[in-house]
Amino acid sequence: MDNKQEGSYFDGGFWELAGWTLLGFLVCLFTLGIAFPWVYCWIVSWRTNHTVVDGKRLQFNGKGASLLGHFILQGWLLGLILTPLTLGLYPLYYFNVSLKKWEIKNTNFFNINITGNNNSSGNDNIKWKCPKCNNSNPNSTYQCEKCGYKLI
């Protein structure tokens, strides 16, 4: 059954995820893990931006610098204190829940910014901007003409 008919689906592919994961691993390896928050945001952004719920595409807008602050406070500072006190359970449970809350806080439904003028001859000048490449596209298409990003 085609998931697109039900209104909720995931349109990402295996090779795309494998590529982002491999690139992220290499960047983390090269930077000795310092770039992990940015790599994590890349992968979460890819996964979220390829998810459609009830016909509405999700969009992730979290940034690596924001996540780095979250990691410093929640991960390293609190982790050094709470991990021994909770016999190792803090990083396994609380930090994962905290990270998921940050992820959801930075996720919303993609809002099409429609620009143009409504004239008496119709809406042929209305366009929407692609969230991936910022290209203006005609309202009649649901796929970006430049990068191929599917809106729905």
Protein backbone atom coordinates (compact mmCIF):
# COMPACT_ATOMS: atom_id res chain seq x y z
CA MET A 1 0.00 0.00 0.00
CA ASP A 2 1.27 3.46 -0.83
CA ASN A 3 1.80 5.49 2.35
CA LYS A 4 1.20 8.74 0.45
CA GLN A 5 -2.50 7.91 0.19
CA GLU A 6 -2.80 7.78 3.98
CA GLY A 7 -1.29 11.24 4.42
CA SER A 8 1.68 10.22 6.61
CA TYR A 9 4.88 8.80 5.20
CA PHE A 10 8.66 8.95 5.16
CA ASP A 11 10.29 9.65 1.80
CA GLY A 12 13.98 9.36 2.70
CA GLY A 13 16.17 6.68 1.17
CA PHE A 14 18.70 4.21 2.51
CA TRP A 15 21.63 5.54 0.47
CA GLU A 16 20.98 9.13 1.52
CA LEU A 17 21.00 8.15 5.19
CA ALA A 18 24.09 5.99 4.69
CA GLY A 19 25.87 8.94 3.03
CA TRP A 20 24.96 11.42 5.79
CA THR A 21 25.96 8.90 8.46
CA LEU A 22 29.31 8.15 6.82
CA LEU A 23 30.01 11.86 6.31
CA GLY A 24 29.06 12.54 9.93
CA PHE A 25 31.31 9.75 11.18
CA LEU A 26 34.27 11.11 9.19
CA VAL A 27 33.67 14.69 10.38
CA CYS A 28 33.44 13.53 14.01
CA LEU A 29 36.57 11.43 13.58
CA PHE A 30 38.48 14.32 12.00
CA THR A 31 37.38 16.83 14.70
CA LEU A 32 37.80 14.35 17.57
CA GLY A 33 34.08 14.55 18.36
CA ILE A 34 33.89 18.33 18.74
CA ALA A 35 31.60 18.59 15.72
CA PHE A 36 29.18 15.94 17.03
CA PRO A 37 26.35 18.43 17.81
CA TRP A 38 26.46 19.73 14.22
CA VAL A 39 26.59 16.21 12.78
CA TYR A 40 23.68 15.18 14.98
CA CYS A 41 21.69 18.17 13.67
CA TRP A 42 22.48 17.18 10.06
CA ILE A 43 21.10 13.69 10.56
CA VAL A 44 18.05 14.78 12.59
CA SER A 45 17.35 17.48 9.99
CA TRP A 46 17.53 14.94 7.16
CA ARG A 47 15.24 12.50 8.99
CA THR A 48 12.73 15.17 10.03
CA ASN A 49 12.63 16.97 6.69
CA HIS A 50 11.76 13.69 4.95
CA THR A 51 8.77 13.04 7.24
CA VAL A 52 5.18 13.96 6.36
CA VAL A 53 2.45 13.69 9.00
CA ASP A 54 -1.20 14.07 7.95
CA GLY A 55 -0.08 15.64 4.68
CA LYS A 56 2.13 18.24 6.41
CA ARG A 57 5.90 18.06 6.05
CA LEU A 58 7.96 18.41 9.22
CA GLN A 59 10.91 20.79 9.37
CA PHE A 60 13.82 20.72 11.83
CA ASN A 61 15.42 24.08 12.61
CA GLY A 62 17.85 23.18 15.40
CA LYS A 63 21.43 24.42 15.18
CA GLY A 64 24.65 22.76 16.25
CA ALA A 65 25.70 25.70 18.43
CA SER A 66 22.45 25.47 20.40
CA LEU A 67 22.90 21.74 20.83
CA LEU A 68 26.52 22.29 21.92
CA GLY A 69 25.24 24.46 24.78
CA HIS A 70 22.74 21.74 25.64
CA PHE A 71 25.53 19.14 25.61
CA ILE A 72 27.80 21.23 27.84
CA LEU A 73 25.11 21.83 30.47
CA GLN A 74 23.06 18.62 30.32
CA GLY A 75 25.71 16.19 29.15
CA TRP A 76 29.05 17.07 30.60
CA LEU A 77 28.41 19.21 33.68
CA LEU A 78 25.34 17.42 35.03
CA GLY A 79 26.62 14.11 33.71
CA LEU A 80 29.81 14.32 35.78
CA ILE A 81 27.75 14.85 38.93
CA LEU A 82 24.68 12.70 38.30
CA THR A 83 26.20 9.64 36.61
CA PRO A 84 27.91 8.34 39.78
CA LEU A 85 24.92 9.30 41.94
CA THR A 86 22.47 7.40 39.70
CA LEU A 87 24.85 4.45 39.26
CA GLY A 88 25.26 5.16 35.55
CA LEU A 89 21.58 5.61 34.68
CA TYR A 90 21.73 9.37 33.97
CA PRO A 91 23.34 9.17 30.52
CA LEU A 92 21.20 6.19 29.53
CA TYR A 93 17.81 7.68 30.34
CA TYR A 94 17.61 11.28 31.49
CA PHE A 95 20.05 12.68 28.94
CA ASN A 96 18.31 10.83 26.09
CA VAL A 97 14.94 12.23 27.19
CA SER A 98 16.45 15.70 27.47
CA LEU A 99 17.97 15.39 23.98
CA LYS A 100 14.64 14.23 22.52
CA LYS A 101 12.87 17.21 24.16
CA TRP A 102 15.40 19.57 22.52
CA GLU A 103 14.86 17.84 19.19
CA ILE A 104 11.05 18.15 19.37
CA LYS A 105 11.30 21.78 20.54
CA ASN A 106 13.18 22.54 17.32
CA THR A 107 10.74 20.70 15.04
CA ASN A 108 7.65 22.21 13.46
CA PHE A 109 5.43 21.83 10.43
CA PHE A 110 6.85 23.31 7.25
CA ASN A 111 4.97 26.47 6.37
CA ILE A 112 4.89 27.38 2.69
CA ASN A 113 5.74 31.02 2.21
CA ILE A 114 3.62 31.96 -0.79
CA THR A 115 4.53 35.20 -2.48
CA GLY A 116 3.11 36.92 -5.52
CA ASN A 117 0.12 38.95 -6.52
CA ASN A 118 -3.44 37.82 -6.91
CA ASN A 119 -4.76 39.31 -10.09
CA SER A 120 -8.04 38.81 -11.84
CA SER A 121 -6.52 36.40 -14.36
CA GLY A 122 -5.66 33.87 -11.68
CA ASN A 123 -2.85 32.94 -9.33
CA ASP A 124 -0.23 32.19 -11.96
CA ASN A 125 2.38 34.43 -10.27
CA ILE A 126 2.21 32.73 -6.87
CA LYS A 127 5.39 30.89 -5.86
CA TRP A 128 6.72 28.95 -2.85
CA LYS A 129 10.30 28.79 -1.58
CA CYS A 130 12.05 25.43 -1.21
CA PRO A 131 13.27 24.88 2.39
CA LYS A 132 16.33 23.02 1.10
CA CYS A 133 17.75 25.32 -1.61
CA ASN A 134 15.57 28.47 -1.23
CA ASN A 135 14.56 28.32 -4.91
CA SER A 136 11.24 29.94 -5.90
CA ASN A 137 8.87 27.41 -7.46
CA PRO A 138 5.48 27.75 -9.15
CA ASN A 139 2.53 27.02 -6.88
CA SER A 140 1.30 24.36 -9.29
CA THR A 141 4.22 22.03 -8.56
CA TYR A 142 4.98 20.22 -5.33
CA GLN A 143 8.56 19.37 -6.20
CA CYS A 144 11.42 21.87 -6.35
CA GLU A 145 12.58 22.49 -9.90
CA LYS A 146 16.18 23.05 -8.81
CA CYS A 147 16.99 20.34 -6.22
CA GLY A 148 14.03 17.94 -6.57
CA TYR A 149 12.85 18.35 -2.95
CA LYS A 150 9.30 17.02 -2.60
CA LEU A 151 7.00 19.29 -0.61
CA ILE A 152 4.30 16.64 -0.12
